[in-house]
N, C-alpha and C. Protein backbone atom coordinates (compact mmCIF):
# COMPACT_ATOMS: atom_id res chain seq x y z
N MET A 1 1.06 -1.06 -0.03
CA MET A 1 0.10 -0.02 -0.07
C MET A 1 1.06 1.21 -0.06
N PRO A 2 0.60 2.20 -0.85
CA PRO A 2 1.44 3.46 -0.85
C PRO A 2 1.02 4.19 0.30
N SER A 3 2.42 4.98 0.54
CA SER A 3 2.15 6.04 1.83
C SER A 3 3.15 7.25 1.41
N ALA A 4 2.71 8.18 2.13
CA ALA A 4 3.57 9.41 1.94
C ALA A 4 3.76 10.06 3.36
N ARG A 5 4.70 11.10 3.45
CA ARG A 5 4.83 11.82 4.71
C ARG A 5 4.96 13.35 4.24
N ILE A 6 4.24 14.06 5.10
CA ILE A 6 3.99 15.53 5.05
C ILE A 6 4.56 15.92 6.04
N ALA A 7 5.47 17.09 5.93
CA ALA A 7 6.06 17.95 7.12
C ALA A 7 5.26 19.38 7.00
N ILE A 8 4.84 19.63 8.36
CA ILE A 8 3.87 20.64 8.65
C ILE A 8 4.22 21.34 9.74
N ARG A 9 3.96 22.58 9.52
CA ARG A 9 4.31 23.70 10.74
C ARG A 9 2.97 24.09 11.23
N LEU A 10 2.35 23.72 12.62
CA LEU A 10 1.21 23.85 13.12
C LEU A 10 1.06 25.00 13.84
N THR A 11 -0.09 25.81 14.02
CA THR A 11 -0.24 27.08 14.82
C THR A 11 -1.45 26.43 15.32
N PRO A 12 -1.35 26.43 16.75
CA PRO A 12 -2.64 25.89 17.57
C PRO A 12 -3.26 27.36 17.99
N ARG A 13 -4.51 27.43 18.54
CA ARG A 13 -5.13 28.32 19.12
C ARG A 13 -5.42 29.57 18.12
N ALA A 14 -5.47 29.13 16.74
CA ALA A 14 -5.91 29.96 15.65
C ALA A 14 -7.29 30.34 15.58
N GLY A 15 -7.72 31.44 14.66
CA GLY A 15 -8.93 31.74 14.71
C GLY A 15 -10.00 30.68 13.96
N LEU A 16 -9.21 30.05 13.07
CA LEU A 16 -10.15 28.84 12.46
C LEU A 16 -9.28 28.04 11.85
N ASP A 17 -9.74 26.76 11.54
CA ASP A 17 -8.86 25.58 11.13
C ASP A 17 -8.84 25.70 9.69
N ARG A 18 -7.38 25.87 9.18
CA ARG A 18 -7.17 25.86 7.70
C ARG A 18 -5.73 25.39 7.57
N LEU A 19 -5.59 25.07 6.13
CA LEU A 19 -4.31 24.76 5.69
C LEU A 19 -4.03 26.03 4.83
N ASP A 20 -2.59 26.42 4.86
CA ASP A 20 -1.90 27.48 4.15
C ASP A 20 -0.97 26.73 3.24
N PRO A 21 -0.84 27.56 2.16
CA PRO A 21 0.38 27.13 1.35
C PRO A 21 1.72 26.86 1.83
N PRO A 22 2.49 26.17 1.39
CA PRO A 22 3.78 26.12 2.01
C PRO A 22 4.62 27.29 1.96
N GLY A 23 5.29 27.54 3.07
CA GLY A 23 6.40 28.60 2.96
C GLY A 23 7.85 28.36 2.26
N ALA A 24 8.46 29.12 2.25
CA ALA A 24 9.67 28.99 1.49
C ALA A 24 10.71 27.94 1.99
N ASP A 25 10.26 27.48 3.12
CA ASP A 25 10.97 26.14 3.46
C ASP A 25 10.09 24.96 3.09
N SER A 26 9.29 24.99 2.22
CA SER A 26 8.49 24.08 1.58
C SER A 26 7.61 23.13 2.52
N GLU A 27 7.54 23.52 3.60
CA GLU A 27 6.41 23.00 4.55
C GLU A 27 5.02 23.43 4.52
N LEU A 28 4.19 22.54 4.61
CA LEU A 28 2.86 22.96 4.63
C LEU A 28 2.50 23.47 5.99
N ARG A 29 1.65 24.50 5.97
CA ARG A 29 1.60 25.31 7.26
C ARG A 29 -0.06 24.95 7.53
N ALA A 30 -0.16 24.89 8.90
CA ALA A 30 -1.74 24.40 9.35
C ALA A 30 -2.17 25.47 10.40
N ARG A 31 -3.41 25.75 10.65
CA ARG A 31 -3.67 26.48 11.82
C ARG A 31 -4.84 25.75 12.20
N VAL A 32 -5.11 25.47 13.59
CA VAL A 32 -6.24 24.88 14.17
C VAL A 32 -6.66 25.53 15.49
N ARG A 33 -7.82 25.80 15.61
CA ARG A 33 -8.52 26.45 16.84
C ARG A 33 -8.35 25.80 18.32
N ALA A 34 -8.02 24.39 18.19
CA ALA A 34 -7.62 23.79 19.37
C ALA A 34 -6.51 23.99 20.08
N ALA A 35 -6.38 23.92 21.30
CA ALA A 35 -5.13 24.27 22.25
C ALA A 35 -4.22 23.18 22.30
N PRO A 36 -2.93 23.50 22.44
CA PRO A 36 -1.92 22.17 22.32
C PRO A 36 -1.91 21.68 23.93
N VAL A 37 -3.14 21.19 24.17
CA VAL A 37 -3.49 20.44 25.61
C VAL A 37 -3.68 19.02 25.18
N ASP A 38 -3.34 18.25 26.01
CA ASP A 38 -3.79 16.80 25.98
C ASP A 38 -3.89 16.20 24.36
N GLY A 39 -3.02 16.56 23.64
CA GLY A 39 -2.90 16.08 22.16
C GLY A 39 -3.94 16.71 21.10
N ALA A 40 -5.04 17.76 21.71
CA ALA A 40 -5.95 18.25 21.07
C ALA A 40 -5.72 18.79 19.73
N ALA A 41 -4.66 19.68 19.90
CA ALA A 41 -4.24 20.35 18.46
C ALA A 41 -3.76 19.40 17.51
N ASN A 42 -3.03 18.34 17.89
CA ASN A 42 -2.52 17.29 17.02
C ASN A 42 -3.63 16.47 16.41
N GLU A 43 -4.63 16.21 17.17
CA GLU A 43 -6.04 15.51 16.70
C GLU A 43 -6.62 16.26 15.72
N ALA A 44 -7.05 17.75 16.13
CA ALA A 44 -7.64 18.65 15.16
C ALA A 44 -6.63 18.82 13.73
N LEU A 45 -5.40 18.78 13.80
CA LEU A 45 -4.48 18.64 12.81
C LEU A 45 -4.85 17.41 11.88
N LEU A 46 -4.81 16.27 12.55
CA LEU A 46 -4.99 15.19 11.77
C LEU A 46 -6.49 15.21 11.01
N ARG A 47 -7.29 15.58 11.80
CA ARG A 47 -8.79 15.69 11.22
C ARG A 47 -8.84 16.47 10.06
N LEU A 48 -8.36 17.77 10.32
CA LEU A 48 -8.10 18.75 8.99
C LEU A 48 -7.54 18.06 7.73
N LEU A 49 -6.21 17.64 8.02
CA LEU A 49 -5.65 16.85 7.00
C LEU A 49 -6.69 15.80 6.29
N ALA A 50 -7.21 14.87 7.05
CA ALA A 50 -7.96 13.87 6.67
C ALA A 50 -9.00 14.51 5.83
N ASP A 51 -9.67 15.45 6.22
CA ASP A 51 -10.71 16.06 5.51
C ASP A 51 -10.11 16.89 4.03
N SER A 52 -9.16 17.10 4.33
CA SER A 52 -8.44 17.97 3.10
C SER A 52 -8.11 16.78 1.90
N LEU A 53 -7.64 15.73 2.32
CA LEU A 53 -7.09 14.66 1.48
C LEU A 53 -8.37 13.74 1.11
N ASP A 54 -9.48 13.95 1.52
CA ASP A 54 -10.61 13.29 1.42
C ASP A 54 -10.34 11.61 1.70
N LEU A 55 -9.83 11.46 3.06
CA LEU A 55 -9.50 10.22 3.40
C LEU A 55 -10.23 10.02 4.97
N PRO A 56 -10.16 8.84 5.25
CA PRO A 56 -10.63 8.52 6.88
C PRO A 56 -9.51 9.09 7.82
N ARG A 57 -9.72 9.50 9.01
CA ARG A 57 -8.90 9.99 9.96
C ARG A 57 -7.84 8.85 10.17
N SER A 58 -8.41 7.49 10.03
CA SER A 58 -7.56 6.35 10.48
C SER A 58 -6.44 6.33 9.39
N ALA A 59 -6.56 6.87 8.26
CA ALA A 59 -5.34 6.89 7.24
C ALA A 59 -4.13 7.72 7.53
N LEU A 60 -4.16 8.46 8.73
CA LEU A 60 -3.11 9.58 8.88
C LEU A 60 -2.84 9.12 10.21
N ARG A 61 -1.39 9.47 10.52
CA ARG A 61 -0.68 8.99 11.52
C ARG A 61 0.34 10.07 11.91
N LEU A 62 0.49 10.58 13.16
CA LEU A 62 1.50 11.58 13.40
C LEU A 62 2.55 10.71 13.87
N VAL A 63 3.87 11.10 13.08
CA VAL A 63 5.09 10.20 13.18
C VAL A 63 6.16 10.58 14.02
N ALA A 64 6.15 12.01 14.08
CA ALA A 64 7.18 12.90 14.71
C ALA A 64 6.67 14.21 15.10
N GLY A 65 6.97 14.63 16.19
CA GLY A 65 6.60 16.41 16.45
C GLY A 65 5.63 16.31 17.21
N ALA A 66 5.33 15.24 18.15
CA ALA A 66 4.06 15.45 19.10
C ALA A 66 3.97 16.79 19.95
N GLN A 67 5.07 16.81 20.52
CA GLN A 67 5.13 18.15 21.32
C GLN A 67 5.74 19.43 20.71
N ALA A 68 6.04 19.43 19.45
CA ALA A 68 6.81 20.49 18.81
C ALA A 68 5.81 20.86 17.92
N ARG A 69 6.14 22.29 17.23
CA ARG A 69 5.20 22.83 16.06
C ARG A 69 5.60 22.21 14.90
N ARG A 70 6.54 21.75 14.73
CA ARG A 70 6.93 20.79 13.30
C ARG A 70 6.49 19.74 13.57
N LYS A 71 5.78 18.96 12.79
CA LYS A 71 5.15 17.78 12.93
C LYS A 71 5.44 16.92 11.36
N LEU A 72 5.58 15.53 11.60
CA LEU A 72 5.60 14.78 10.41
C LEU A 72 4.46 13.74 10.38
N VAL A 73 3.48 13.74 9.33
CA VAL A 73 2.57 12.96 9.23
C VAL A 73 2.58 12.11 8.13
N GLU A 74 2.17 10.69 8.54
CA GLU A 74 2.24 9.66 7.43
C GLU A 74 1.05 9.58 6.86
N VAL A 75 0.75 9.52 5.86
CA VAL A 75 -0.68 9.29 5.06
C VAL A 75 -0.57 7.97 4.19
N GLU A 76 -1.48 7.00 4.58
CA GLU A 76 -1.46 5.67 4.11
C GLU A 76 -2.56 5.62 2.95
N GLY A 77 -2.14 5.11 1.78
CA GLY A 77 -3.11 4.94 0.66
C GLY A 77 -3.01 5.98 -0.50
N LEU A 78 -1.88 6.83 -0.41
CA LEU A 78 -1.61 7.88 -1.29
C LEU A 78 -0.23 7.92 -1.55
N THR A 79 0.27 8.28 -2.67
CA THR A 79 1.31 8.50 -2.99
C THR A 79 1.84 10.09 -2.75
N PRO A 80 3.20 10.45 -2.57
CA PRO A 80 3.56 11.58 -2.25
C PRO A 80 2.90 12.72 -3.39
N GLU A 81 2.79 12.24 -4.68
CA GLU A 81 2.27 13.03 -5.76
C GLU A 81 0.70 13.05 -5.53
N GLU A 82 0.11 12.20 -5.33
CA GLU A 82 -1.35 12.30 -5.08
C GLU A 82 -1.72 13.14 -3.78
N VAL A 83 -0.93 13.17 -2.60
CA VAL A 83 -1.28 14.15 -1.77
C VAL A 83 -0.91 15.55 -2.35
N GLN A 84 0.14 15.78 -3.07
CA GLN A 84 0.46 17.29 -3.33
C GLN A 84 -0.80 17.48 -4.31
N ALA A 85 -1.37 16.57 -5.28
CA ALA A 85 -2.20 17.21 -6.02
C ALA A 85 -3.72 17.37 -5.33
N ARG A 86 -4.06 16.40 -4.30
CA ARG A 86 -5.13 16.73 -3.69
C ARG A 86 -5.15 18.08 -2.83
N LEU A 87 -4.05 18.16 -2.17
CA LEU A 87 -3.89 19.71 -1.46
C LEU A 87 -3.67 20.72 -2.44
N ALA A 88 -3.26 20.62 -3.58
CA ALA A 88 -3.28 21.71 -4.31
C ALA A 88 -4.60 22.16 -4.83
N ARG A 89 -5.54 20.99 -5.28
CA ARG A 89 -6.68 20.98 -5.65
C ARG A 89 -7.71 21.74 -4.52
N ARG A 90 -7.56 21.35 -3.29
CA ARG A 90 -8.13 21.79 -2.15
C ARG A 90 -8.10 23.47 -2.06
N GLN A 91 -6.79 23.75 -2.16
CA GLN A 91 -6.28 25.15 -2.06
C GLN A 91 -6.82 25.91 -3.17
N GLY A 92 -7.06 25.34 -4.15
CA GLY A 92 -7.46 26.24 -5.57
C GLY A 92 -8.95 26.52 -5.25
N GLN A 93 -9.83 26.10 -4.40
CA GLN A 93 -11.18 26.12 -4.48
C GLN A 93 -11.48 27.38 -3.95
């Protein structure tokens, strides 16, 4: 089964949940309303990504950065190219 990893910079306690285009460092940027308490911001990030990629939440797993702003998320069932295409299509809406 194909899989991909996404580098993300997370901003918790934002005004709304959203994905922003990658910055100069090519990291995807995400904002979530949840506070970074008891994993709430991480869970909000995974749900936002699952919705954006049109995948079930169970297809995503946080593999690094549980306590940091920079995260690494593994996506099962999509290649890196498919992930990029779906995110680009979503940001173009």
